[in-house]
Protein backbone atom coordinates (compact mmCIF):
# COMPACT_ATOMS: atom_id res chain seq x y z
CA UNK A 1 0.00 0.00 0.00
CA UNK A 2 1.24 3.47 -0.83
CA UNK A 3 0.21 6.66 0.92
CA UNK A 4 -0.21 9.99 -0.82
CA UNK A 5 2.13 12.48 0.88
CA UNK A 6 -0.12 15.47 0.31
CA UNK A 7 -3.18 13.67 1.68
CA UNK A 8 -1.17 12.55 4.71
CA UNK A 9 -0.02 16.11 5.41
CA UNK A 10 -3.59 17.42 5.09
CA UNK A 11 -4.84 14.77 7.54
CA UNK A 12 -2.07 15.74 9.98
CA UNK A 13 -3.05 19.40 9.71
CA UNK A 14 -6.73 18.63 10.33
CA UNK A 15 -5.93 17.08 13.71
CA UNK A 16 -3.17 19.62 14.51
CA UNK A 17 -0.41 17.03 14.79
CA UNK A 18 3.11 16.89 13.46
CA UNK A 19 4.92 13.75 12.30
CA UNK A 20 6.68 13.35 15.64
CA UNK A 21 3.35 13.37 17.51
CA UNK A 22 1.98 10.80 15.07
CA UNK A 23 4.98 8.52 15.56
CA UNK A 24 4.75 8.78 19.33
CA UNK A 25 1.03 7.97 19.31
CA UNK A 26 1.24 5.07 16.85
CA UNK A 27 4.55 3.59 18.01
CA UNK A 28 6.06 3.96 14.54
CA UNK A 29 9.68 4.90 14.17
CA UNK A 30 10.20 8.28 12.54
CA UNK A 31 12.31 6.62 9.85
CA UNK A 32 9.34 4.40 8.96
CA UNK A 33 7.09 7.44 8.79
CA UNK A 34 9.50 9.19 6.39
CA UNK A 35 9.64 6.14 4.10
CA UNK A 36 5.86 5.79 4.05
CA UNK A 37 5.32 9.54 3.55
CA UNK A 38 7.70 9.53 0.60
CA UNK A 39 5.66 6.88 -1.21
CA UNK A 40 7.40 3.64 -0.26
CA UNK A 41 5.26 0.55 0.08
CA UNK A 42 4.05 -0.29 3.58
CA UNK A 43 2.00 -2.88 5.40
CA UNK A 44 -1.77 -2.51 5.73
CA UNK A 45 -1.39 -2.52 9.52
CA UNK A 46 0.88 0.53 9.32
CA UNK A 47 -1.65 2.41 7.21
CA UNK A 48 -4.36 1.38 9.66
CA UNK A 49 -2.40 2.71 12.64
CA UNK A 50 -1.81 6.02 10.90
CA UNK A 51 -5.45 6.38 9.82
CA UNK A 52 -6.70 5.54 13.31
CA UNK A 53 -4.41 8.13 14.90
CA UNK A 54 -5.60 10.75 12.39
CA UNK A 55 -9.30 9.89 12.83
CA UNK A 56 -9.78 9.27 9.12
CA UNK A 57 -10.58 6.44 6.75
CA UNK A 58 -7.67 4.48 5.24
CA UNK A 59 -8.97 5.27 1.74
CA UNK A 60 -8.46 9.00 2.38
CA UNK A 61 -4.69 8.48 2.67
CA UNK A 62 -4.00 6.12 -0.23
CA UNK A 63 -2.63 7.01 -3.66
CA UNK A 64 -5.31 7.28 -6.31
C-alpha atoms as a PDB file:
ATOM      1  CA  UNK A   1       0.000   0.000   0.000  1.00  0.00           C
ATOM      2  CA  UNK A   2       1.242   3.472  -0.833  1.00  0.00           C
ATOM      3  CA  UNK A   3       0.206   6.664   0.920  1.00  0.00           C
ATOM      4  CA  UNK A   4      -0.206   9.993  -0.817  1.00  0.00           C
ATOM      5  CA  UNK A   5       2.135  12.476   0.875  1.00  0.00           C
ATOM      6  CA  UNK A   6      -0.118  15.471   0.305  1.00  0.00           C
ATOM      7  CA  UNK A   7      -3.181  13.668   1.677  1.00  0.00           C
ATOM      8  CA  UNK A   8      -1.169  12.554   4.714  1.00  0.00           C
ATOM      9  CA  UNK A   9      -0.024  16.110   5.414  1.00  0.00           C
ATOM     10  CA  UNK A  10      -3.591  17.419   5.086  1.00  0.00           C
ATOM     11  CA  UNK A  11      -4.839  14.775   7.539  1.00  0.00           C
ATOM     12  CA  UNK A  12      -2.069  15.739   9.984  1.00  0.00           C
ATOM     13  CA  UNK A  13      -3.046  19.403   9.708  1.00  0.00           C
ATOM     14  CA  UNK A  14      -6.728  18.629  10.332  1.00  0.00           C
ATOM     15  CA  UNK A  15      -5.928  17.083  13.706  1.00  0.00           C
ATOM     16  CA  UNK A  16      -3.172  19.623  14.508  1.00  0.00           C
ATOM     17  CA  UNK A  17      -0.408  17.033  14.793  1.00  0.00           C
ATOM     18  CA  UNK A  18       3.112  16.894  13.457  1.00  0.00           C
ATOM     19  CA  UNK A  19       4.917  13.748  12.300  1.00  0.00           C
ATOM     20  CA  UNK A  20       6.681  13.351  15.643  1.00  0.00           C
ATOM     21  CA  UNK A  21       3.345  13.367  17.510  1.00  0.00           C
ATOM     22  CA  UNK A  22       1.983  10.798  15.074  1.00  0.00           C
ATOM     23  CA  UNK A  23       4.984   8.520  15.555  1.00  0.00           C
ATOM     24  CA  UNK A  24       4.753   8.776  19.328  1.00  0.00           C
ATOM     25  CA  UNK A  25       1.030   7.970  19.310  1.00  0.00           C
ATOM     26  CA  UNK A  26       1.239   5.069  16.847  1.00  0.00           C
ATOM     27  CA  UNK A  27       4.546   3.587  18.007  1.00  0.00           C
ATOM     28  CA  UNK A  28       6.064   3.957  14.537  1.00  0.00           C
ATOM     29  CA  UNK A  29       9.680   4.899  14.173  1.00  0.00           C
ATOM     30  CA  UNK A  30      10.204   8.284  12.537  1.00  0.00           C
ATOM     31  CA  UNK A  31      12.310   6.615   9.848  1.00  0.00           C
ATOM     32  CA  UNK A  32       9.345   4.395   8.963  1.00  0.00           C
ATOM     33  CA  UNK A  33       7.087   7.441   8.794  1.00  0.00           C
ATOM     34  CA  UNK A  34       9.500   9.187   6.394  1.00  0.00           C
ATOM     35  CA  UNK A  35       9.643   6.141   4.095  1.00  0.00           C
ATOM     36  CA  UNK A  36       5.861   5.794   4.048  1.00  0.00           C
ATOM     37  CA  UNK A  37       5.321   9.544   3.553  1.00  0.00           C
ATOM     38  CA  UNK A  38       7.697   9.526   0.596  1.00  0.00           C
ATOM     39  CA  UNK A  39       5.664   6.884  -1.209  1.00  0.00           C
ATOM     40  CA  UNK A  40       7.397   3.643  -0.258  1.00  0.00           C
ATOM     41  CA  UNK A  41       5.258   0.553   0.076  1.00  0.00           C
ATOM     42  CA  UNK A  42       4.047  -0.291   3.582  1.00  0.00           C
ATOM     43  CA  UNK A  43       1.996  -2.882   5.404  1.00  0.00           C
ATOM     44  CA  UNK A  44      -1.772  -2.509   5.731  1.00  0.00           C
ATOM     45  CA  UNK A  45      -1.392  -2.523   9.517  1.00  0.00           C
ATOM     46  CA  UNK A  46       0.883   0.525   9.318  1.00  0.00           C
ATOM     47  CA  UNK A  47      -1.649   2.409   7.210  1.00  0.00           C
ATOM     48  CA  UNK A  48      -4.364   1.381   9.656  1.00  0.00           C
ATOM     49  CA  UNK A  49      -2.404   2.714  12.637  1.00  0.00           C
ATOM     50  CA  UNK A  50      -1.815   6.023  10.896  1.00  0.00           C
ATOM     51  CA  UNK A  51      -5.450   6.384   9.818  1.00  0.00           C
ATOM     52  CA  UNK A  52      -6.697   5.539  13.306  1.00  0.00           C
ATOM     53  CA  UNK A  53      -4.414   8.134  14.903  1.00  0.00           C
ATOM     54  CA  UNK A  54      -5.599  10.746  12.387  1.00  0.00           C
ATOM     55  CA  UNK A  55      -9.297   9.886  12.828  1.00  0.00           C
ATOM     56  CA  UNK A  56      -9.776   9.267   9.119  1.00  0.00           C
ATOM     57  CA  UNK A  57     -10.576   6.436   6.747  1.00  0.00           C
ATOM     58  CA  UNK A  58      -7.671   4.483   5.238  1.00  0.00           C
ATOM     59  CA  UNK A  59      -8.965   5.273   1.743  1.00  0.00           C
ATOM     60  CA  UNK A  60      -8.461   9.003   2.381  1.00  0.00           C
ATOM     61  CA  UNK A  61      -4.689   8.479   2.673  1.00  0.00           C
ATOM     62  CA  UNK A  62      -4.005   6.122  -0.230  1.00  0.00           C
ATOM     63  CA  UNK A  63      -2.627   7.012  -3.655  1.00  0.00           C
ATOM     64  CA  UNK A  64      -5.309   7.278  -6.314  1.00  0.00           C
END
